[in-house]
PDB file of N, CA and C in Angstrom:
ATOM      1  N   UNK A   1       5.409 -10.818  15.302  1.00  0.00           N
ATOM      2  CA  UNK A   1       5.012  -9.073  15.184  1.00  0.00           C
ATOM      3  C   UNK A   1       4.105  -8.704  14.899  1.00  0.00           C
ATOM      4  N   UNK A   2       3.496  -7.647  15.601  1.00  0.00           N
ATOM      5  CA  UNK A   2       2.232  -6.913  15.818  1.00  0.00           C
ATOM      6  C   UNK A   2       2.538  -5.397  14.827  1.00  0.00           C
ATOM      7  N   UNK A   3       1.566  -4.979  14.332  1.00  0.00           N
ATOM      8  CA  UNK A   3       1.716  -4.292  13.358  1.00  0.00           C
ATOM      9  C   UNK A   3       1.862  -2.921  14.123  1.00  0.00           C
ATOM     10  N   UNK A   4       1.261  -2.788  15.236  1.00  0.00           N
ATOM     11  CA  UNK A   4       0.990  -1.578  16.436  1.00  0.00           C
ATOM     12  C   UNK A   4       2.124  -1.566  17.377  1.00  0.00           C
ATOM     13  N   UNK A   5       3.241  -2.549  17.465  1.00  0.00           N
ATOM     14  CA  UNK A   5       4.217  -2.201  17.944  1.00  0.00           C
ATOM     15  C   UNK A   5       5.454  -1.165  17.135  1.00  0.00           C
ATOM     16  N   UNK A   6       4.986  -1.884  15.667  1.00  0.00           N
ATOM     17  CA  UNK A   6       5.563  -1.421  15.076  1.00  0.00           C
ATOM     18  C   UNK A   6       5.860  -0.195  14.508  1.00  0.00           C
ATOM     19  N   UNK A   7       4.285   0.100  14.015  1.00  0.00           N
ATOM     20  CA  UNK A   7       4.039   1.154  13.231  1.00  0.00           C
ATOM     21  C   UNK A   7       2.445   1.860  14.132  1.00  0.00           C
ATOM     22  N   UNK A   8       1.956   3.132  13.567  1.00  0.00           N
ATOM     23  CA  UNK A   8       1.283   3.514  14.671  1.00  0.00           C
ATOM     24  C   UNK A   8       0.059   3.820  13.727  1.00  0.00           C
ATOM     25  N   UNK A   9      -1.106   4.579  14.189  1.00  0.00           N
ATOM     26  CA  UNK A   9      -2.057   4.804  13.132  1.00  0.00           C
ATOM     27  C   UNK A   9      -1.700   5.903  11.951  1.00  0.00           C
ATOM     28  N   UNK A  10      -0.671   6.780  12.325  1.00  0.00           N
ATOM     29  CA  UNK A  10      -0.282   8.162  11.149  1.00  0.00           C
ATOM     30  C   UNK A  10       0.310   7.138  10.185  1.00  0.00           C
ATOM     31  N   UNK A  11       0.943   5.822  10.711  1.00  0.00           N
ATOM     32  CA  UNK A  11       1.832   5.553   9.378  1.00  0.00           C
ATOM     33  C   UNK A  11       0.527   4.741   8.516  1.00  0.00           C
ATOM     34  N   UNK A  12      -0.832   3.970   9.277  1.00  0.00           N
ATOM     35  CA  UNK A  12      -1.672   3.341   8.555  1.00  0.00           C
ATOM     36  C   UNK A  12      -2.594   4.444   7.783  1.00  0.00           C
ATOM     37  N   UNK A  13      -2.763   5.569   8.245  1.00  0.00           N
ATOM     38  CA  UNK A  13      -3.354   6.138   6.920  1.00  0.00           C
ATOM     39  C   UNK A  13      -2.375   6.962   6.078  1.00  0.00           C
ATOM     40  N   UNK A  14      -1.202   7.376   6.217  1.00  0.00           N
ATOM     41  CA  UNK A  14      -0.510   7.704   5.066  1.00  0.00           C
ATOM     42  C   UNK A  14      -0.140   6.561   4.220  1.00  0.00           C
ATOM     43  N   UNK A  15      -0.122   5.302   4.488  1.00  0.00           N
ATOM     44  CA  UNK A  15       0.149   4.204   3.512  1.00  0.00           C
ATOM     45  C   UNK A  15      -0.973   3.801   2.947  1.00  0.00           C
ATOM     46  N   UNK A  16      -2.435   4.534   3.356  1.00  0.00           N
ATOM     47  CA  UNK A  16      -3.660   3.970   2.943  1.00  0.00           C
ATOM     48  C   UNK A  16      -3.750   4.655   1.749  1.00  0.00           C
ATOM     49  N   UNK A  17      -3.532   5.886   1.935  1.00  0.00           N
ATOM     50  CA  UNK A  17      -3.805   7.277   1.536  1.00  0.00           C
ATOM     51  C   UNK A  17      -2.571   7.479   0.394  1.00  0.00           C
ATOM     52  N   UNK A  18      -1.331   7.656   0.714  1.00  0.00           N
ATOM     53  CA  UNK A  18      -0.328   8.118  -0.255  1.00  0.00           C
ATOM     54  C   UNK A  18       0.701   6.918  -0.409  1.00  0.00           C
ATOM     55  N   UNK A  19      -0.111   5.942  -1.094  1.00  0.00           N
ATOM     56  CA  UNK A  19       1.172   4.527  -0.363  1.00  0.00           C
ATOM     57  C   UNK A  19       2.414   4.782  -1.129  1.00  0.00           C
ATOM     58  N   UNK A  20       2.513   5.839  -2.472  1.00  0.00           N
ATOM     59  CA  UNK A  20       3.553   5.749  -3.071  1.00  0.00           C
ATOM     60  C   UNK A  20       4.612   6.863  -2.032  1.00  0.00           C
ATOM     61  N   UNK A  21       4.282   7.838  -1.665  1.00  0.00           N
ATOM     62  CA  UNK A  21       5.183   9.281  -0.679  1.00  0.00           C
ATOM     63  C   UNK A  21       5.484   8.022   0.133  1.00  0.00           C
ATOM     64  N   UNK A  22       4.729   6.893   1.074  1.00  0.00           N
ATOM     65  CA  UNK A  22       5.093   6.445   2.153  1.00  0.00           C
ATOM     66  C   UNK A  22       6.013   5.385   1.975  1.00  0.00           C
ATOM     67  N   UNK A  23       6.082   4.753   0.632  1.00  0.00           N
ATOM     68  CA  UNK A  23       6.850   3.291   0.598  1.00  0.00           C
ATOM     69  C   UNK A  23       8.082   4.088   0.398  1.00  0.00           C
ATOM     70  N   UNK A  24       8.346   5.261  -0.553  1.00  0.00           N
ATOM     71  CA  UNK A  24       9.101   6.000  -0.988  1.00  0.00           C
ATOM     72  C   UNK A  24      10.253   6.418   0.554  1.00  0.00           C
ATOM     73  N   UNK A  25       9.439   6.877   1.471  1.00  0.00           N
ATOM     74  CA  UNK A  25      10.212   7.381   2.553  1.00  0.00           C
ATOM     75  C   UNK A  25      10.980   6.108   3.312  1.00  0.00           C
ATOM     76  N   UNK A  26       9.685   5.354   3.321  1.00  0.00           N
ATOM     77  CA  UNK A  26      10.064   3.725   4.416  1.00  0.00           C
ATOM     78  C   UNK A  26      11.115   3.179   3.389  1.00  0.00           C
ATOM     79  N   UNK A  27      10.778   3.190   2.270  1.00  0.00           N
ATOM     80  CA  UNK A  27      12.051   2.669   1.381  1.00  0.00           C
ATOM     81  C   UNK A  27      13.576   2.670   1.518  1.00  0.00           C
ATOM     82  N   UNK A  28      13.490   4.330   1.503  1.00  0.00           N
ATOM     83  CA  UNK A  28      15.085   4.656   1.660  1.00  0.00           C
ATOM     84  C   UNK A  28      15.695   4.160   3.464  1.00  0.00           C
ATOM     85  N   UNK A  29      14.763   4.476   4.045  1.00  0.00           N
ATOM     86  CA  UNK A  29      14.838   4.232   5.387  1.00  0.00           C
ATOM     87  C   UNK A  29      15.575   2.693   5.767  1.00  0.00           C
ATOM     88  N   UNK A  30      14.268   1.875   5.538  1.00  0.00           N
ATOM     89  CA  UNK A  30      14.331   0.359   5.616  1.00  0.00           C
ATOM     90  C   UNK A  30      13.988  -0.004   4.716  1.00  0.00           C
ATOM     91  N   UNK A  31      15.088  -0.756   3.619  1.00  0.00           N
ATOM     92  CA  UNK A  31      14.963  -1.075   2.021  1.00  0.00           C
ATOM     93  C   UNK A  31      14.446  -2.399   2.173  1.00  0.00           C
ATOM     94  N   UNK A  32      13.303  -2.442   1.268  1.00  0.00           N
ATOM     95  CA  UNK A  32      12.110  -3.359   1.050  1.00  0.00           C
ATOM     96  C   UNK A  32      12.341  -4.347   0.300  1.00  0.00           C
ATOM     97  N   UNK A  33      13.498  -4.200  -0.425  1.00  0.00           N
ATOM     98  CA  UNK A  33      14.056  -4.921  -1.699  1.00  0.00           C
ATOM     99  C   UNK A  33      13.137  -5.104  -3.339  1.00  0.00           C
ATOM    100  N   UNK A  34      13.390  -5.753  -4.072  1.00  0.00           N
ATOM    101  CA  UNK A  34      13.473  -5.629  -4.920  1.00  0.00           C
ATOM    102  C   UNK A  34      11.569  -5.631  -5.283  1.00  0.00           C
ATOM    103  N   UNK A  35      10.724  -6.309  -4.638  1.00  0.00           N
ATOM    104  CA  UNK A  35       9.640  -6.256  -4.620  1.00  0.00           C
ATOM    105  C   UNK A  35       8.728  -5.078  -4.087  1.00  0.00           C
ATOM    106  N   UNK A  36       9.476  -4.455  -3.347  1.00  0.00           N
ATOM    107  CA  UNK A  36       8.995  -3.108  -2.928  1.00  0.00           C
ATOM    108  C   UNK A  36       9.326  -2.434  -4.124  1.00  0.00           C
ATOM    109  N   UNK A  37      10.691  -2.080  -4.727  1.00  0.00           N
ATOM    110  CA  UNK A  37      10.582  -1.049  -5.542  1.00  0.00           C
ATOM    111  C   UNK A  37       9.603  -1.125  -7.013  1.00  0.00           C
ATOM    112  N   UNK A  38       9.466  -2.612  -7.019  1.00  0.00           N
ATOM    113  CA  UNK A  38       8.847  -3.167  -8.365  1.00  0.00           C
ATOM    114  C   UNK A  38       7.255  -2.594  -8.041  1.00  0.00           C
ATOM    115  N   UNK A  39       7.047  -2.720  -6.904  1.00  0.00           N
ATOM    116  CA  UNK A  39       5.300  -2.678  -6.821  1.00  0.00           C
ATOM    117  C   UNK A  39       5.208  -1.159  -6.549  1.00  0.00           C
ATOM    118  N   UNK A  40       6.337  -0.169  -6.121  1.00  0.00           N
ATOM    119  CA  UNK A  40       6.143   1.067  -5.602  1.00  0.00           C
ATOM    120  C   UNK A  40       5.782   1.537  -7.077  1.00  0.00           C
ATOM    121  N   UNK A  41       6.155   1.236  -8.035  1.00  0.00           N
ATOM    122  CA  UNK A  41       6.600   1.846  -9.671  1.00  0.00           C
ATOM    123  C   UNK A  41       5.154   1.154 -10.239  1.00  0.00           C
ATOM    124  N   UNK A  42       4.702  -0.086 -10.327  1.00  0.00           N
ATOM    125  CA  UNK A  42       3.789  -0.152 -10.990  1.00  0.00           C
ATOM    126  C   UNK A  42       2.221  -0.413 -10.126  1.00  0.00           C
ATOM    127  N   UNK A  43       2.167  -0.798  -9.059  1.00  0.00           N
ATOM    128  CA  UNK A  43       0.934  -1.196  -8.041  1.00  0.00           C
ATOM    129  C   UNK A  43       1.365  -0.873  -6.677  1.00  0.00           C
ATOM    130  N   UNK A  44       1.154   0.409  -6.475  1.00  0.00           N
ATOM    131  CA  UNK A  44       1.542   0.389  -4.379  1.00  0.00           C
ATOM    132  C   UNK A  44       0.651  -0.385  -3.776  1.00  0.00           C
ATOM    133  N   UNK A  45      -0.796  -0.095  -3.967  1.00  0.00           N
ATOM    134  CA  UNK A  45      -1.724  -0.231  -3.073  1.00  0.00           C
ATOM    135  C   UNK A  45      -1.461  -2.215  -3.279  1.00  0.00           C
ATOM    136  N   UNK A  46      -1.440  -2.833  -4.046  1.00  0.00           N
ATOM    137  CA  UNK A  46      -1.491  -4.214  -4.096  1.00  0.00           C
ATOM    138  C   UNK A  46       0.057  -4.909  -3.357  1.00  0.00           C
ATOM    139  N   UNK A  47       1.030  -3.709  -3.781  1.00  0.00           N
ATOM    140  CA  UNK A  47       1.909  -4.066  -2.630  1.00  0.00           C
ATOM    141  C   UNK A  47       2.232  -4.547  -1.461  1.00  0.00           C
ATOM    142  N   UNK A  48       1.277  -2.871  -1.036  1.00  0.00           N
ATOM    143  CA  UNK A  48       1.029  -2.969   0.265  1.00  0.00           C
ATOM    144  C   UNK A  48       0.443  -3.893   1.371  1.00  0.00           C
ATOM    145  N   UNK A  49      -0.763  -4.337   0.332  1.00  0.00           N
ATOM    146  CA  UNK A  49      -1.431  -5.579   0.774  1.00  0.00           C
ATOM    147  C   UNK A  49      -0.696  -6.726   0.900  1.00  0.00           C
ATOM    148  N   UNK A  50       0.019  -6.693   0.031  1.00  0.00           N
ATOM    149  CA  UNK A  50       0.836  -8.373  -0.546  1.00  0.00           C
ATOM    150  C   UNK A  50       1.710  -8.637   0.721  1.00  0.00           C
ATOM    151  N   UNK A  51       2.336  -7.019   1.372  1.00  0.00           N
ATOM    152  CA  UNK A  51       3.314  -6.983   2.040  1.00  0.00           C
ATOM    153  C   UNK A  51       2.923  -7.082   3.869  1.00  0.00           C
ATOM    154  N   UNK A  52       1.338  -6.454   3.690  1.00  0.00           N
ATOM    155  CA  UNK A  52       0.699  -6.591   4.902  1.00  0.00           C
ATOM    156  C   UNK A  52       0.410  -8.184   5.011  1.00  0.00           C
ATOM    157  N   UNK A  53       0.109  -9.174   4.605  1.00  0.00           N
ATOM    158  CA  UNK A  53      -0.451 -10.252   4.313  1.00  0.00           C
ATOM    159  C   UNK A  53       1.219 -11.180   4.956  1.00  0.00           C
ATOM    160  N   UNK A  54       1.742 -10.695   4.409  1.00  0.00           N
ATOM    161  CA  UNK A  54       3.043 -11.429   4.396  1.00  0.00           C
ATOM    162  C   UNK A  54       3.659 -11.360   6.159  1.00  0.00           C
ATOM    163  N   UNK A  55       3.466  -9.851   6.386  1.00  0.00           N
ATOM    164  CA  UNK A  55       3.860  -9.879   7.899  1.00  0.00           C
ATOM    165  C   UNK A  55       3.562 -10.190   8.990  1.00  0.00           C
ATOM    166  N   UNK A  56       1.830  -9.567   8.728  1.00  0.00           N
ATOM    167  CA  UNK A  56       0.808  -9.560  10.069  1.00  0.00           C
ATOM    168  C   UNK A  56      -0.172 -10.212   9.478  1.00  0.00           C
ATOM    169  N   UNK A  57      -0.485 -10.950   8.816  1.00  0.00           N
ATOM    170  CA  UNK A  57      -1.744 -11.925   8.957  1.00  0.00           C
ATOM    171  C   UNK A  57      -1.984 -12.364  10.313  1.00  0.00           C
ATOM    172  N   UNK A  58      -0.818 -13.097  10.469  1.00  0.00           N
ATOM    173  CA  UNK A  58      -1.091 -13.923  11.713  1.00  0.00           C
ATOM    174  C   UNK A  58      -1.748 -13.140  12.974  1.00  0.00           C
ATOM    175  N   UNK A  59      -0.903 -11.810  13.158  1.00  0.00           N
ATOM    176  CA  UNK A  59      -1.460 -11.240  13.966  1.00  0.00           C
ATOM    177  C   UNK A  59      -2.766 -10.088  13.938  1.00  0.00           C
ATOM    178  N   UNK A  60      -2.591  -9.524  13.106  1.00  0.00           N
ATOM    179  CA  UNK A  60      -4.069  -8.523  12.741  1.00  0.00           C
ATOM    180  C   UNK A  60      -4.578  -8.928  11.144  1.00  0.00           C
ATOM    181  N   UNK A  61      -5.316  -9.834  11.198  1.00  0.00           N
ATOM    182  CA  UNK A  61      -5.987 -10.360   9.876  1.00  0.00           C
ATOM    183  C   UNK A  61      -7.289  -9.403   9.323  1.00  0.00           C
ATOM    184  N   UNK A  62      -7.587  -8.211  10.069  1.00  0.00           N
ATOM    185  CA  UNK A  62      -8.339  -7.383  10.032  1.00  0.00           C
ATOM    186  C   UNK A  62      -7.790  -6.170   9.026  1.00  0.00           C
ATOM    187  N   UNK A  63      -6.650  -6.074   9.707  1.00  0.00           N
ATOM    188  CA  UNK A  63      -5.853  -4.601   8.758  1.00  0.00           C
ATOM    189  C   UNK A  63      -5.239  -5.562   7.204  1.00  0.00           C
ATOM    190  N   UNK A  64      -5.057  -6.597   7.227  1.00  0.00           N
ATOM    191  CA  UNK A  64      -4.571  -6.850   6.124  1.00  0.00           C
ATOM    192  C   UNK A  64      -5.796  -7.494   5.211  1.00  0.00           C
ATOM    193  N   UNK A  65      -7.009  -7.610   5.379  1.00  0.00           N
ATOM    194  CA  UNK A  65      -8.455  -7.516   4.849  1.00  0.00           C
ATOM    195  C   UNK A  65      -8.557  -5.979   4.531  1.00  0.00           C
ATOM    196  N   UNK A  66      -8.335  -5.143   5.185  1.00  0.00           N
ATOM    197  CA  UNK A  66      -8.760  -3.613   4.946  1.00  0.00           C
ATOM    198  C   UNK A  66      -7.955  -3.214   3.732  1.00  0.00           C
ATOM    199  N   UNK A  67      -6.430  -3.736   3.735  1.00  0.00           N
ATOM    200  CA  UNK A  67      -5.335  -3.515   3.000  1.00  0.00           C
ATOM    201  C   UNK A  67      -5.906  -3.755   1.677  1.00  0.00           C
ATOM    202  N   UNK A  68      -6.365  -5.067   1.719  1.00  0.00           N
ATOM    203  CA  UNK A  68      -6.534  -5.805   0.101  1.00  0.00           C
ATOM    204  C   UNK A  68      -7.567  -5.122   0.052  1.00  0.00           C
ATOM    205  N   UNK A  69      -9.023  -4.667   0.642  1.00  0.00           N
ATOM    206  CA  UNK A  69     -10.197  -3.863  -0.100  1.00  0.00           C
ATOM    207  C   UNK A  69      -9.330  -2.632  -0.234  1.00  0.00           C
ATOM    208  N   UNK A  70      -8.441  -1.754   0.084  1.00  0.00           N
ATOM    209  CA  UNK A  70      -7.809  -0.342  -0.427  1.00  0.00           C
ATOM    210  C   UNK A  70      -7.280  -0.665  -1.682  1.00  0.00           C
ATOM    211  N   UNK A  71      -6.483  -1.813  -1.498  1.00  0.00           N
ATOM    212  CA  UNK A  71      -5.722  -2.231  -2.784  1.00  0.00           C
ATOM    213  C   UNK A  71      -6.431  -2.737  -4.189  1.00  0.00           C
ATOM    214  N   UNK A  72      -7.858  -3.242  -4.116  1.00  0.00           N
ATOM    215  CA  UNK A  72      -8.623  -3.466  -5.124  1.00  0.00           C
ATOM    216  C   UNK A  72      -9.382  -2.140  -5.306  1.00  0.00           C
ATOM    217  N   UNK A  73      -9.922  -1.538  -4.539  1.00  0.00           N
ATOM    218  CA  UNK A  73     -10.631  -0.460  -4.831  1.00  0.00           C
ATOM    219  C   UNK A  73      -9.774   0.810  -5.499  1.00  0.00           C
ATOM    220  N   UNK A  74      -8.545   0.613  -4.697  1.00  0.00           N
ATOM    221  CA  UNK A  74      -7.897   1.730  -4.805  1.00  0.00           C
ATOM    222  C   UNK A  74      -6.975   2.163  -5.897  1.00  0.00           C
ATOM    223  N   UNK A  75      -6.842   0.685  -7.029  1.00  0.00           N
ATOM    224  CA  UNK A  75      -6.187   0.720  -7.975  1.00  0.00           C
ATOM    225  C   UNK A  75      -7.156   0.658  -9.143  1.00  0.00           C
ATOM    226  N   UNK A  76      -8.115  -0.189  -8.411  1.00  0.00           N
ATOM    227  CA  UNK A  76      -9.195   0.441 -10.009  1.00  0.00           C
ATOM    228  C   UNK A  76      -9.947   1.200  -9.852  1.00  0.00           C
ATOM    229  N   UNK A  77     -10.010   2.415  -8.958  1.00  0.00           N
ATOM    230  CA  UNK A  77     -10.387   3.780  -8.787  1.00  0.00           C
ATOM    231  C   UNK A  77      -9.502   4.409  -9.772  1.00  0.00           C
ATOM    232  N   UNK A  78      -7.859   4.541  -9.192  1.00  0.00           N
ATOM    233  CA  UNK A  78      -7.065   5.142  -9.892  1.00  0.00           C
ATOM    234  C   UNK A  78      -6.939   4.873 -11.592  1.00  0.00           C
ATOM    235  N   UNK A  79      -7.401   3.762 -11.935  1.00  0.00           N
ATOM    236  CA  UNK A  79      -7.617   3.359 -13.182  1.00  0.00           C
ATOM    237  C   UNK A  79      -8.697   4.086 -13.855  1.00  0.00           C
ATOM    238  N   UNK A  80      -9.767   4.060 -13.121  1.00  0.00           N
ATOM    239  CA  UNK A  80     -10.921   4.953 -13.473  1.00  0.00           C
ATOM    240  C   UNK A  80     -10.830   6.260 -14.035  1.00  0.00           C
ATOM    241  N   UNK A  81      -9.824   6.985 -12.443  1.00  0.00           N
ATOM    242  CA  UNK A  81      -9.794   8.392 -12.922  1.00  0.00           C
ATOM    243  C   UNK A  81      -9.005   8.635 -13.883  1.00  0.00           C
ATOM    244  N   UNK A  82      -7.776   7.836 -14.339  1.00  0.00           N
ATOM    245  CA  UNK A  82      -6.551   8.256 -15.189  1.00  0.00           C
ATOM    246  C   UNK A  82      -7.454   7.945 -16.683  1.00  0.00           C
ATOM    247  N   UNK A  83      -8.194   7.276 -16.861  1.00  0.00           N
ATOM    248  CA  UNK A  83      -8.915   7.022 -18.040  1.00  0.00           C
ATOM    249  C   UNK A  83      -9.586   8.182 -18.164  1.00  0.00           C
ATOM    250  N   UNK A  84     -10.616   8.577 -17.286  1.00  0.00           N
ATOM    251  CA  UNK A  84     -11.454   9.790 -17.778  1.00  0.00           C
ATOM    252  C   UNK A  84     -10.849  10.792 -18.010  1.00  0.00           C
ATOM    253  N   UNK A  85      -9.417  11.046 -17.326  1.00  0.00           N
ATOM    254  CA  UNK A  85      -8.992  12.304 -17.433  1.00  0.00           C
ATOM    255  C   UNK A  85      -8.254  12.298 -18.995  1.00  0.00           C
ATOM    256  N   UNK A  86      -7.406  11.155 -19.434  1.00  0.00           N
ATOM    257  CA  UNK A  86      -6.944  11.304 -20.687  1.00  0.00           C
ATOM    258  C   UNK A  86      -8.198  11.186 -21.740  1.00  0.00           C
ATOM    259  N   UNK A  87      -9.461  10.304 -21.489  1.00  0.00           N
ATOM    260  CA  UNK A  87     -10.057  10.712 -22.347  1.00  0.00           C
ATOM    261  C   UNK A  87     -10.880  12.118 -22.517  1.00  0.00           C
ATOM    262  N   UNK A  88     -10.596  13.442 -21.615  1.00  0.00           N
ATOM    263  CA  UNK A  88     -11.260  14.477 -21.707  1.00  0.00           C
ATOM    264  C   UNK A  88      -9.811  15.449 -22.857  1.00  0.00           C
ATOM    265  N   UNK A  89      -8.959  14.870 -22.813  1.00  0.00           N
ATOM    266  CA  UNK A  89      -7.857  15.872 -23.694  1.00  0.00           C
ATOM    267  C   UNK A  89      -7.836  15.516 -25.155  1.00  0.00           C
TER     268      UNK A  89
END
């Protein structure tokens, strides 16, 4: 299964920059199970990278590597912004 046969560029941009909203919309349309819902709550970027690797590694390894870069950079970036915001209060 190829990523581009199922999804398009708009989905790719949405899942990279707005993972919670995109996962919520897609999760209600096509259920992605317990892993998806737990990931939506705790670590959406990491969940996207895990699911991308599970389904698309053999056909699109570059997209999976980019998903992991977003996962590691996005999650740590969110943590830094949140900690700065909370420390200012």
